[in-house]
PDB file of N, CA and C in Angstrom:
ATOM      1  N   MET A   1      82.644  33.614  22.553  1.00  0.00           N
ATOM      2  CA  MET A   1      82.492  32.285  23.078  1.00  0.00           C
ATOM      3  C   MET A   1      81.012  32.018  23.335  1.00  0.00           C
ATOM      4  N   ILE A   2      80.561  30.817  23.017  1.00  0.00           N
ATOM      5  CA  ILE A   2      79.176  30.431  23.205  1.00  0.00           C
ATOM      6  C   ILE A   2      79.064  29.613  24.480  1.00  0.00           C
ATOM      7  N   GLU A   3      78.140  30.026  25.319  1.00  0.00           N
ATOM      8  CA  GLU A   3      77.904  29.281  26.555  1.00  0.00           C
ATOM      9  C   GLU A   3      76.833  28.226  26.300  1.00  0.00           C
ATOM     10  N   ILE A   4      77.114  27.012  26.671  1.00  0.00           N
ATOM     11  CA  ILE A   4      76.175  25.914  26.482  1.00  0.00           C
ATOM     12  C   ILE A   4      75.542  25.598  27.829  1.00  0.00           C
ATOM     13  N   LEU A   5      74.235  25.641  27.874  1.00  0.00           N
ATOM     14  CA  LEU A   5      73.504  25.361  29.094  1.00  0.00           C
ATOM     15  C   LEU A   5      72.814  24.015  28.989  1.00  0.00           C
ATOM     16  N   ASP A   6      72.671  23.393  30.111  1.00  0.00           N
ATOM     17  CA  ASP A   6      71.909  22.150  30.171  1.00  0.00           C
ATOM     18  C   ASP A   6      70.428  22.508  30.151  1.00  0.00           C
ATOM     19  N   VAL A   7      69.639  21.748  29.434  1.00  0.00           N
ATOM     20  CA  VAL A   7      68.206  22.009  29.346  1.00  0.00           C
ATOM     21  C   VAL A   7      67.574  22.020  30.735  1.00  0.00           C
ATOM     22  N   LYS A   8      68.108  21.257  31.651  1.00  0.00           N
ATOM     23  CA  LYS A   8      67.560  21.201  33.009  1.00  0.00           C
ATOM     24  C   LYS A   8      67.681  22.537  33.725  1.00  0.00           C
ATOM     25  N   ASP A   9      68.620  23.388  33.283  1.00  0.00           N
ATOM     26  CA  ASP A   9      68.823  24.689  33.912  1.00  0.00           C
ATOM     27  C   ASP A   9      67.767  25.711  33.493  1.00  0.00           C
ATOM     28  N   ALA A  10      67.087  25.463  32.410  1.00  0.00           N
ATOM     29  CA  ALA A  10      66.094  26.418  31.897  1.00  0.00           C
ATOM     30  C   ALA A  10      64.752  26.194  32.571  1.00  0.00           C
ATOM     31  N   GLU A  11      64.160  27.270  33.042  1.00  0.00           N
ATOM     32  CA  GLU A  11      62.826  27.201  33.630  1.00  0.00           C
ATOM     33  C   GLU A  11      61.799  27.219  32.502  1.00  0.00           C
ATOM     34  N   PRO A  12      60.870  26.265  32.500  1.00  0.00           N
ATOM     35  CA  PRO A  12      59.833  26.316  31.457  1.00  0.00           C
ATOM     36  C   PRO A  12      58.936  27.530  31.664  1.00  0.00           C
ATOM     37  N   LYS A  13      58.570  28.145  30.557  1.00  0.00           N
ATOM     38  CA  LYS A  13      57.708  29.317  30.617  1.00  0.00           C
ATOM     39  C   LYS A  13      56.301  28.884  31.012  1.00  0.00           C
ATOM     40  N   LYS A  14      55.712  29.609  31.942  1.00  0.00           N
ATOM     41  CA  LYS A  14      54.346  29.323  32.375  1.00  0.00           C
ATOM     42  C   LYS A  14      53.371  29.788  31.295  1.00  0.00           C
ATOM     43  N   LEU A  15      52.467  28.912  30.918  1.00  0.00           N
ATOM     44  CA  LEU A  15      51.472  29.246  29.915  1.00  0.00           C
ATOM     45  C   LEU A  15      50.178  29.677  30.587  1.00  0.00           C
ATOM     46  N   ASP A  16      49.463  30.541  29.924  1.00  0.00           N
ATOM     47  CA  ASP A  16      48.150  30.944  30.402  1.00  0.00           C
ATOM     48  C   ASP A  16      47.147  29.944  29.845  1.00  0.00           C
ATOM     49  N   ILE A  17      46.864  28.901  30.610  1.00  0.00           N
ATOM     50  CA  ILE A  17      45.969  27.845  30.158  1.00  0.00           C
ATOM     51  C   ILE A  17      44.564  28.160  30.655  1.00  0.00           C
ATOM     52  N   THR A  18      43.722  28.530  29.720  1.00  0.00           N
ATOM     53  CA  THR A  18      42.347  28.913  30.039  1.00  0.00           C
ATOM     54  C   THR A  18      41.448  27.675  30.024  1.00  0.00           C
ATOM     55  N   PRO A  19      40.277  27.757  30.622  1.00  0.00           N
ATOM     56  CA  PRO A  19      39.328  26.642  30.527  1.00  0.00           C
ATOM     57  C   PRO A  19      38.984  26.297  29.078  1.00  0.00           C
ATOM     58  N   GLU A  20      38.879  27.313  28.228  1.00  0.00           N
ATOM     59  CA  GLU A  20      38.585  27.066  26.815  1.00  0.00           C
ATOM     60  C   GLU A  20      39.713  26.281  26.151  1.00  0.00           C
ATOM     61  N   LEU A  21      40.957  26.609  26.497  1.00  0.00           N
ATOM     62  CA  LEU A  21      42.098  25.879  25.944  1.00  0.00           C
ATOM     63  C   LEU A  21      42.128  24.443  26.454  1.00  0.00           C
ATOM     64  N   ALA A  22      41.801  24.240  27.722  1.00  0.00           N
ATOM     65  CA  ALA A  22      41.763  22.891  28.282  1.00  0.00           C
ATOM     66  C   ALA A  22      40.700  22.042  27.585  1.00  0.00           C
ATOM     67  N   ILE A  23      39.537  22.620  27.313  1.00  0.00           N
ATOM     68  CA  ILE A  23      38.473  21.897  26.610  1.00  0.00           C
ATOM     69  C   ILE A  23      38.925  21.565  25.190  1.00  0.00           C
ATOM     70  N   ALA A  24      39.575  22.521  24.529  1.00  0.00           N
ATOM     71  CA  ALA A  24      40.065  22.266  23.174  1.00  0.00           C
ATOM     72  C   ALA A  24      41.090  21.132  23.171  1.00  0.00           C
ATOM     73  N   ALA A  25      41.973  21.106  24.165  1.00  0.00           N
ATOM     74  CA  ALA A  25      42.970  20.035  24.253  1.00  0.00           C
ATOM     75  C   ALA A  25      42.299  18.688  24.508  1.00  0.00           C
ATOM     76  N   TYR A  26      41.316  18.662  25.362  1.00  0.00           N
ATOM     77  CA  TYR A  26      40.552  17.448  25.661  1.00  0.00           C
ATOM     78  C   TYR A  26      39.906  16.912  24.392  1.00  0.00           C
ATOM     79  N   ASN A  27      39.216  17.786  23.651  1.00  0.00           N
ATOM     80  CA  ASN A  27      38.552  17.376  22.415  1.00  0.00           C
ATOM     81  C   ASN A  27      39.568  16.945  21.360  1.00  0.00           C
ATOM     82  N   THR A  28      40.722  17.626  21.326  1.00  0.00           N
ATOM     83  CA  THR A  28      41.770  17.267  20.374  1.00  0.00           C
ATOM     84  C   THR A  28      42.309  15.872  20.671  1.00  0.00           C
ATOM     85  N   LEU A  29      42.482  15.531  21.943  1.00  0.00           N
ATOM     86  CA  LEU A  29      42.946  14.191  22.314  1.00  0.00           C
ATOM     87  C   LEU A  29      41.965  13.136  21.831  1.00  0.00           C
ATOM     88  N   ILE A  30      40.687  13.383  22.013  1.00  0.00           N
ATOM     89  CA  ILE A  30      39.658  12.438  21.559  1.00  0.00           C
ATOM     90  C   ILE A  30      39.749  12.263  20.042  1.00  0.00           C
ATOM     91  N   GLN A  31      39.828  13.377  19.327  1.00  0.00           N
ATOM     92  CA  GLN A  31      39.901  13.312  17.868  1.00  0.00           C
ATOM     93  C   GLN A  31      41.175  12.616  17.403  1.00  0.00           C
ATOM     94  N   PHE A  32      42.293  12.884  18.069  1.00  0.00           N
ATOM     95  CA  PHE A  32      43.566  12.240  17.732  1.00  0.00           C
ATOM     96  C   PHE A  32      43.460  10.725  17.897  1.00  0.00           C
ATOM     97  N   CYS A  33      42.896  10.295  19.015  1.00  0.00           N
ATOM     98  CA  CYS A  33      42.772   8.857  19.266  1.00  0.00           C
ATOM     99  C   CYS A  33      41.861   8.175  18.249  1.00  0.00           C
ATOM    100  N   LYS A  34      40.815   8.857  17.837  1.00  0.00           N
ATOM    101  CA  LYS A  34      39.905   8.280  16.849  1.00  0.00           C
ATOM    102  C   LYS A  34      40.581   8.109  15.489  1.00  0.00           C
ATOM    103  N   GLN A  35      41.625   8.889  15.219  1.00  0.00           N
ATOM    104  CA  GLN A  35      42.342   8.793  13.946  1.00  0.00           C
ATOM    105  C   GLN A  35      43.378   7.677  13.925  1.00  0.00           C
ATOM    106  N   GLN A  36      43.707   7.114  15.070  1.00  0.00           N
ATOM    107  CA  GLN A  36      44.760   6.108  15.151  1.00  0.00           C
ATOM    108  C   GLN A  36      44.228   4.726  14.812  1.00  0.00           C
ATOM    109  N   GLU A  37      43.842   4.548  13.584  1.00  0.00           N
ATOM    110  CA  GLU A  37      43.265   3.284  13.138  1.00  0.00           C
ATOM    111  C   GLU A  37      44.342   2.210  13.037  1.00  0.00           C
ATOM    112  N   GLY A  38      43.950   1.002  13.339  1.00  0.00           N
ATOM    113  CA  GLY A  38      44.831  -0.137  13.138  1.00  0.00           C
ATOM    114  C   GLY A  38      45.886  -0.336  14.204  1.00  0.00           C
ATOM    115  N   MET A  39      45.879   0.468  15.244  1.00  0.00           N
ATOM    116  CA  MET A  39      46.864   0.275  16.312  1.00  0.00           C
ATOM    117  C   MET A  39      46.372  -0.821  17.252  1.00  0.00           C
ATOM    118  N   ILE A  40      47.188  -1.803  17.480  1.00  0.00           N
ATOM    119  CA  ILE A  40      46.825  -2.879  18.399  1.00  0.00           C
ATOM    120  C   ILE A  40      47.095  -2.387  19.811  1.00  0.00           C
ATOM    121  N   LEU A  41      46.012  -2.213  20.584  1.00  0.00           N
ATOM    122  CA  LEU A  41      46.080  -1.712  21.961  1.00  0.00           C
ATOM    123  C   LEU A  41      46.814  -0.386  22.070  1.00  0.00           C
ATOM    124  N   CYS A  42      46.791   0.378  21.017  1.00  0.00           N
ATOM    125  CA  CYS A  42      47.404   1.718  20.996  1.00  0.00           C
ATOM    126  C   CYS A  42      48.901   1.693  21.299  1.00  0.00           C
ATOM    127  N   SER A  43      49.547   0.563  21.215  1.00  0.00           N
ATOM    128  CA  SER A  43      50.942   0.431  21.656  1.00  0.00           C
ATOM    129  C   SER A  43      51.924   1.284  20.868  1.00  0.00           C
ATOM    130  N   ARG A  44      51.560   1.726  19.662  1.00  0.00           N
ATOM    131  CA  ARG A  44      52.467   2.548  18.884  1.00  0.00           C
ATOM    132  C   ARG A  44      52.146   4.030  18.996  1.00  0.00           C
ATOM    133  N   CYS A  45      51.169   4.377  19.801  1.00  0.00           N
ATOM    134  CA  CYS A  45      50.773   5.784  19.957  1.00  0.00           C
ATOM    135  C   CYS A  45      51.845   6.556  20.729  1.00  0.00           C
ATOM    136  N   VAL A  46      52.082   7.775  20.311  1.00  0.00           N
ATOM    137  CA  VAL A  46      53.069   8.633  20.962  1.00  0.00           C
ATOM    138  C   VAL A  46      52.694   8.922  22.425  1.00  0.00           C
ATOM    139  N   LEU A  47      51.424   8.829  22.765  1.00  0.00           N
ATOM    140  CA  LEU A  47      50.956   9.107  24.129  1.00  0.00           C
ATOM    141  C   LEU A  47      50.729   7.840  24.955  1.00  0.00           C
ATOM    142  N   HIS A  48      51.142   6.704  24.430  1.00  0.00           N
ATOM    143  CA  HIS A  48      50.842   5.410  25.051  1.00  0.00           C
ATOM    144  C   HIS A  48      51.191   5.355  26.548  1.00  0.00           C
ATOM    145  N   ASN A  49      52.364   5.796  26.932  1.00  0.00           N
ATOM    146  CA  ASN A  49      52.793   5.681  28.332  1.00  0.00           C
ATOM    147  C   ASN A  49      52.093   6.653  29.271  1.00  0.00           C
ATOM    148  N   SER A  50      51.398   7.636  28.725  1.00  0.00           N
ATOM    149  CA  SER A  50      50.690   8.616  29.549  1.00  0.00           C
ATOM    150  C   SER A  50      49.182   8.538  29.392  1.00  0.00           C
ATOM    151  N   CYS A  51      48.705   7.591  28.629  1.00  0.00           N
ATOM    152  CA  CYS A  51      47.277   7.496  28.327  1.00  0.00           C
ATOM    153  C   CYS A  51      46.486   7.027  29.543  1.00  0.00           C
ATOM    154  N   PRO A  52      45.363   7.697  29.856  1.00  0.00           N
ATOM    155  CA  PRO A  52      44.523   7.259  30.975  1.00  0.00           C
ATOM    156  C   PRO A  52      44.026   5.828  30.812  1.00  0.00           C
ATOM    157  N   ALA A  53      43.856   5.393  29.572  1.00  0.00           N
ATOM    158  CA  ALA A  53      43.382   4.026  29.337  1.00  0.00           C
ATOM    159  C   ALA A  53      44.423   3.008  29.809  1.00  0.00           C
ATOM    160  N   ILE A  54      45.686   3.376  29.788  1.00  0.00           N
ATOM    161  CA  ILE A  54      46.768   2.486  30.220  1.00  0.00           C
ATOM    162  C   ILE A  54      47.075   2.701  31.702  1.00  0.00           C
ATOM    163  N   THR A  55      47.229   3.965  32.099  1.00  0.00           N
ATOM    164  CA  THR A  55      47.675   4.262  33.461  1.00  0.00           C
ATOM    165  C   THR A  55      46.574   4.145  34.509  1.00  0.00           C
ATOM    166  N   ASP A  56      45.332   4.456  34.148  1.00  0.00           N
ATOM    167  CA  ASP A  56      44.229   4.443  35.119  1.00  0.00           C
ATOM    168  C   ASP A  56      43.180   3.377  34.824  1.00  0.00           C
ATOM    169  N   ARG A  57      43.415   2.570  33.819  1.00  0.00           N
ATOM    170  CA  ARG A  57      42.455   1.550  33.383  1.00  0.00           C
ATOM    171  C   ARG A  57      41.091   2.153  33.052  1.00  0.00           C
ATOM    172  N   ALA A  58      41.132   3.350  32.533  1.00  0.00           N
ATOM    173  CA  ALA A  58      39.911   4.047  32.098  1.00  0.00           C
ATOM    174  C   ALA A  58      39.637   3.696  30.637  1.00  0.00           C
ATOM    175  N   PRO A  59      38.448   4.030  30.153  1.00  0.00           N
ATOM    176  CA  PRO A  59      38.195   3.823  28.726  1.00  0.00           C
ATOM    177  C   PRO A  59      39.164   4.672  27.891  1.00  0.00           C
ATOM    178  N   ALA A  60      39.509   4.202  26.725  1.00  0.00           N
ATOM    179  CA  ALA A  60      40.393   4.952  25.836  1.00  0.00           C
ATOM    180  C   ALA A  60      39.728   6.276  25.447  1.00  0.00           C
ATOM    181  N   PRO A  61      40.519   7.336  25.275  1.00  0.00           N
ATOM    182  CA  PRO A  61      39.946   8.634  24.913  1.00  0.00           C
ATOM    183  C   PRO A  61      39.055   8.592  23.673  1.00  0.00           C
ATOM    184  N   GLU A  62      39.300   7.671  22.770  1.00  0.00           N
ATOM    185  CA  GLU A  62      38.449   7.597  21.577  1.00  0.00           C
ATOM    186  C   GLU A  62      36.997   7.269  21.923  1.00  0.00           C
ATOM    187  N   LYS A  63      36.754   6.768  23.134  1.00  0.00           N
ATOM    188  CA  LYS A  63      35.400   6.439  23.573  1.00  0.00           C
ATOM    189  C   LYS A  63      34.772   7.557  24.417  1.00  0.00           C
ATOM    190  N   TRP A  64      35.540   8.592  24.717  1.00  0.00           N
ATOM    191  CA  TRP A  64      35.029   9.709  25.500  1.00  0.00           C
ATOM    192  C   TRP A  64      34.113  10.572  24.635  1.00  0.00           C
ATOM    193  N   GLU A  65      33.270  11.349  25.304  1.00  0.00           N
ATOM    194  CA  GLU A  65      32.385  12.281  24.610  1.00  0.00           C
ATOM    195  C   GLU A  65      33.029  13.668  24.602  1.00  0.00           C
ATOM    196  N   GLU A  66      33.054  14.292  23.443  1.00  0.00           N
ATOM    197  CA  GLU A  66      33.613  15.638  23.355  1.00  0.00           C
ATOM    198  C   GLU A  66      32.746  16.627  24.131  1.00  0.00           C
ATOM    199  N   ILE A  67      33.371  17.709  24.569  1.00  0.00           N
ATOM    200  CA  ILE A  67      32.686  18.761  25.318  1.00  0.00           C
ATOM    201  C   ILE A  67      32.585  19.994  24.424  1.00  0.00           C
ATOM    202  N   HIS A  68      31.376  20.509  24.279  1.00  0.00           N
ATOM    203  CA  HIS A  68      31.161  21.735  23.503  1.00  0.00           C
ATOM    204  C   HIS A  68      30.173  22.617  24.251  1.00  0.00           C
ATOM    205  N   TYR A  69      30.472  23.915  24.296  1.00  0.00           N
ATOM    206  CA  TYR A  69      29.574  24.890  24.909  1.00  0.00           C
ATOM    207  C   TYR A  69      29.238  25.948  23.882  1.00  0.00           C
ATOM    208  N   PRO A  70      28.031  26.496  23.904  1.00  0.00           N
ATOM    209  CA  PRO A  70      26.926  26.128  24.782  1.00  0.00           C
ATOM    210  C   PRO A  70      26.358  24.771  24.386  1.00  0.00           C
ATOM    211  N   ARG A  71      25.647  24.180  25.332  1.00  0.00           N
ATOM    212  CA  ARG A  71      24.977  22.904  25.050  1.00  0.00           C
ATOM    213  C   ARG A  71      23.700  22.811  25.870  1.00  0.00           C
ATOM    214  N   MET A  72      22.738  22.102  25.302  1.00  0.00           N
ATOM    215  CA  MET A  72      21.480  21.874  26.011  1.00  0.00           C
ATOM    216  C   MET A  72      21.621  20.559  26.769  1.00  0.00           C
ATOM    217  N   THR A  73      21.402  20.601  28.071  1.00  0.00           N
ATOM    218  CA  THR A  73      21.511  19.395  28.887  1.00  0.00           C
ATOM    219  C   THR A  73      20.152  18.764  29.171  1.00  0.00           C
ATOM    220  N   SER A  74      19.105  19.490  28.874  1.00  0.00           N
ATOM    221  CA  SER A  74      17.737  18.959  28.913  1.00  0.00           C
ATOM    222  C   SER A  74      16.933  19.824  27.963  1.00  0.00           C
ATOM    223  N   ASN A  75      15.641  19.591  27.872  1.00  0.00           N
ATOM    224  CA  ASN A  75      14.856  20.396  26.930  1.00  0.00           C
ATOM    225  C   ASN A  75      14.603  21.819  27.433  1.00  0.00           C
ATOM    226  N   THR A  76      14.977  22.112  28.679  1.00  0.00           N
ATOM    227  CA  THR A  76      14.792  23.474  29.202  1.00  0.00           C
ATOM    228  C   THR A  76      16.068  24.072  29.805  1.00  0.00           C
ATOM    229  N   THR A  77      17.184  23.359  29.752  1.00  0.00           N
ATOM    230  CA  THR A  77      18.401  23.824  30.412  1.00  0.00           C
ATOM    231  C   THR A  77      19.559  23.963  29.426  1.00  0.00           C
ATOM    232  N   ILE A  78      20.254  25.097  29.524  1.00  0.00           N
ATOM    233  CA  ILE A  78      21.426  25.377  28.690  1.00  0.00           C
ATOM    234  C   ILE A  78      22.623  25.591  29.608  1.00  0.00           C
ATOM    235  N   GLU A  79      23.751  24.974  29.263  1.00  0.00           N
ATOM    236  CA  GLU A  79      25.022  25.237  29.936  1.00  0.00           C
ATOM    237  C   GLU A  79      25.911  26.012  28.962  1.00  0.00           C
ATOM    238  N   TYR A  80      26.645  26.996  29.491  1.00  0.00           N
ATOM    239  CA  TYR A  80      27.554  27.784  28.663  1.00  0.00           C
ATOM    240  C   TYR A  80      28.720  28.240  29.529  1.00  0.00           C
ATOM    241  N   LEU A  81      29.801  28.709  28.890  1.00  0.00           N
ATOM    242  CA  LEU A  81      30.957  29.211  29.625  1.00  0.00           C
ATOM    243  C   LEU A  81      30.890  30.719  29.739  1.00  0.00           C
ATOM    244  N   LYS A  82      31.186  31.210  30.937  1.00  0.00           N
ATOM    245  CA  LYS A  82      31.291  32.648  31.170  1.00  0.00           C
ATOM    246  C   LYS A  82      32.422  32.850  32.157  1.00  0.00           C
ATOM    247  N   ASP A  83      33.393  33.649  31.762  1.00  0.00           N
ATOM    248  CA  ASP A  83      34.564  33.906  32.600  1.00  0.00           C
ATOM    249  C   ASP A  83      35.231  32.607  33.034  1.00  0.00           C
ATOM    250  N   GLY A  84      35.267  31.623  32.137  1.00  0.00           N
ATOM    251  CA  GLY A  84      35.952  30.373  32.412  1.00  0.00           C
ATOM    252  C   GLY A  84      35.221  29.397  33.306  1.00  0.00           C
ATOM    253  N   LYS A  85      33.964  29.700  33.602  1.00  0.00           N
ATOM    254  CA  LYS A  85      33.184  28.811  34.465  1.00  0.00           C
ATOM    255  C   LYS A  85      31.891  28.416  33.765  1.00  0.00           C
ATOM    256  N   VAL A  86      31.433  27.201  34.047  1.00  0.00           N
ATOM    257  CA  VAL A  86      30.183  26.724  33.459  1.00  0.00           C
ATOM    258  C   VAL A  86      29.020  27.391  34.172  1.00  0.00           C
ATOM    259  N   GLN A  87      28.150  27.984  33.378  1.00  0.00           N
ATOM    260  CA  GLN A  87      26.942  28.617  33.887  1.00  0.00           C
ATOM    261  C   GLN A  87      25.749  27.821  33.363  1.00  0.00           C
ATOM    262  N   MET A  88      24.642  27.906  34.066  1.00  0.00           N
ATOM    263  CA  MET A  88      23.455  27.168  33.657  1.00  0.00           C
ATOM    264  C   MET A  88      22.245  28.098  33.704  1.00  0.00           C
ATOM    265  N   ILE A  89      21.419  27.990  32.662  1.00  0.00           N
ATOM    266  CA  ILE A  89      20.158  28.721  32.615  1.00  0.00           C
ATOM    267  C   ILE A  89      19.057  27.684  32.417  1.00  0.00           C
ATOM    268  N   THR A  90      18.009  27.789  33.228  1.00  0.00           N
ATOM    269  CA  THR A  90      16.856  26.904  33.063  1.00  0.00           C
ATOM    270  C   THR A  90      15.647  27.749  32.685  1.00  0.00           C
ATOM    271  N   TYR A  91      14.994  27.342  31.617  1.00  0.00           N
ATOM    272  CA  TYR A  91      13.810  28.048  31.122  1.00  0.00           C
ATOM    273  C   TYR A  91      12.557  27.277  31.508  1.00  0.00           C
ATOM    274  N   GLY A  92      11.453  27.985  31.589  1.00  0.00           N
ATOM    275  CA  GLY A  92      10.184  27.346  31.926  1.00  0.00           C
ATOM    276  C   GLY A  92       9.588  26.572  30.761  1.00  0.00           C
ATOM    277  N   ARG A  93       9.925  27.004  29.546  1.00  0.00           N
ATOM    278  CA  ARG A  93       9.370  26.328  28.364  1.00  0.00           C
ATOM    279  C   ARG A  93      10.510  25.897  27.450  1.00  0.00           C
ATOM    280  N   SER A  94      10.365  24.733  26.845  1.00  0.00           N
ATOM    281  CA  SER A  94      11.413  24.221  25.963  1.00  0.00           C
ATOM    282  C   SER A  94      11.584  25.117  24.732  1.00  0.00           C
ATOM    283  N   GLU A  95      10.500  25.736  24.265  1.00  0.00           N
ATOM    284  CA  GLU A  95      10.598  26.620  23.106  1.00  0.00           C
ATOM    285  C   GLU A  95      11.511  27.802  23.405  1.00  0.00           C
ATOM    286  N   ASP A  96      11.405  28.360  24.620  1.00  0.00           N
ATOM    287  CA  ASP A  96      12.261  29.485  25.017  1.00  0.00           C
ATOM    288  C   ASP A  96      13.720  29.047  25.100  1.00  0.00           C
ATOM    289  N   ALA A  97      13.950  27.855  25.641  1.00  0.00           N
ATOM    290  CA  ALA A  97      15.312  27.336  25.756  1.00  0.00           C
ATOM    291  C   ALA A  97      15.919  27.109  24.376  1.00  0.00           C
ATOM    292  N   GLU A  98      15.163  26.527  23.465  1.00  0.00           N
ATOM    293  CA  GLU A  98      15.660  26.268  22.110  1.00  0.00           C
ATOM    294  C   GLU A  98      15.981  27.565  21.380  1.00  0.00           C
ATOM    295  N   LYS A  99      15.133  28.575  21.548  1.00  0.00           N
ATOM    296  CA  LYS A  99      15.362  29.875  20.912  1.00  0.00           C
ATOM    297  C   LYS A  99      16.640  30.516  21.462  1.00  0.00           C
ATOM    298  N   ALA A 100      16.799  30.502  22.777  1.00  0.00           N
ATOM    299  CA  ALA A 100      17.988  31.090  23.405  1.00  0.00           C
ATOM    300  C   ALA A 100      19.251  30.332  22.996  1.00  0.00           C
ATOM    301  N   PHE A 101      19.159  29.018  22.915  1.00  0.00           N
ATOM    302  CA  PHE A 101      20.302  28.192  22.515  1.00  0.00           C
ATOM    303  C   PHE A 101      20.749  28.540  21.094  1.00  0.00           C
ATOM    304  N   LYS A 102      19.797  28.672  20.178  1.00  0.00           N
ATOM    305  CA  LYS A 102      20.132  29.041  18.796  1.00  0.00           C
ATOM    306  C   LYS A 102      20.785  30.408  18.753  1.00  0.00           C
ATOM    307  N   GLU A 103      20.287  31.365  19.544  1.00  0.00           N
ATOM    308  CA  GLU A 103      20.864  32.702  19.581  1.00  0.00           C
ATOM    309  C   GLU A 103      22.301  32.639  20.129  1.00  0.00           C
ATOM    310  N   MET A 104      22.527  31.854  21.170  1.00  0.00           N
ATOM    311  CA  MET A 104      23.875  31.724  21.726  1.00  0.00           C
ATOM    312  C   MET A 104      24.850  31.170  20.680  1.00  0.00           C
ATOM    313  N   LYS A 105      24.433  30.125  19.990  1.00  0.00           N
ATOM    314  CA  LYS A 105      25.296  29.509  18.978  1.00  0.00           C
ATOM    315  C   LYS A 105      25.568  30.482  17.831  1.00  0.00           C
ATOM    316  N   ASN A 106      24.538  31.231  17.401  1.00  0.00           N
ATOM    317  CA  ASN A 106      24.718  32.202  16.315  1.00  0.00           C
ATOM    318  C   ASN A 106      25.616  33.356  16.719  1.00  0.00           C
ATOM    319  N   ASN A 107      25.602  33.696  18.002  1.00  0.00           N
ATOM    320  CA  ASN A 107      26.420  34.816  18.501  1.00  0.00           C
ATOM    321  C   ASN A 107      27.801  34.369  18.984  1.00  0.00           C
ATOM    322  N   GLY A 108      28.091  33.075  18.879  1.00  0.00           N
ATOM    323  CA  GLY A 108      29.418  32.568  19.274  1.00  0.00           C
ATOM    324  C   GLY A 108      29.657  32.568  20.762  1.00  0.00           C
ATOM    325  N   ILE A 109      28.618  32.381  21.527  1.00  0.00           N
ATOM    326  CA  ILE A 109      28.778  32.349  22.995  1.00  0.00           C
ATOM    327  C   ILE A 109      29.134  30.962  23.421  1.00  0.00           C
TER     328      ILE A 109
END
């Protein structure tokens, strides 16, 4: 005999959502919204009822800026992720910052 359970009885499995995964999801939402050409007020979008542009009167995600680390926030400052937290390094010279930034990107940091 097969026992049929109601979906409400099942506990959803907890996911290990890392900061890197959250950033990837954020960037994916932006990219998804940019692909939805020709939608009038996004009304046909699958995320329409949960979209911040609708629920919070915020700009549509297609207008948001993607987040990528490492990144240079000034000519002497680099932000990067370490252990799931944003870290910042400030250099005295822009040449040193640019060199370190290139090394970080080449090393996949």
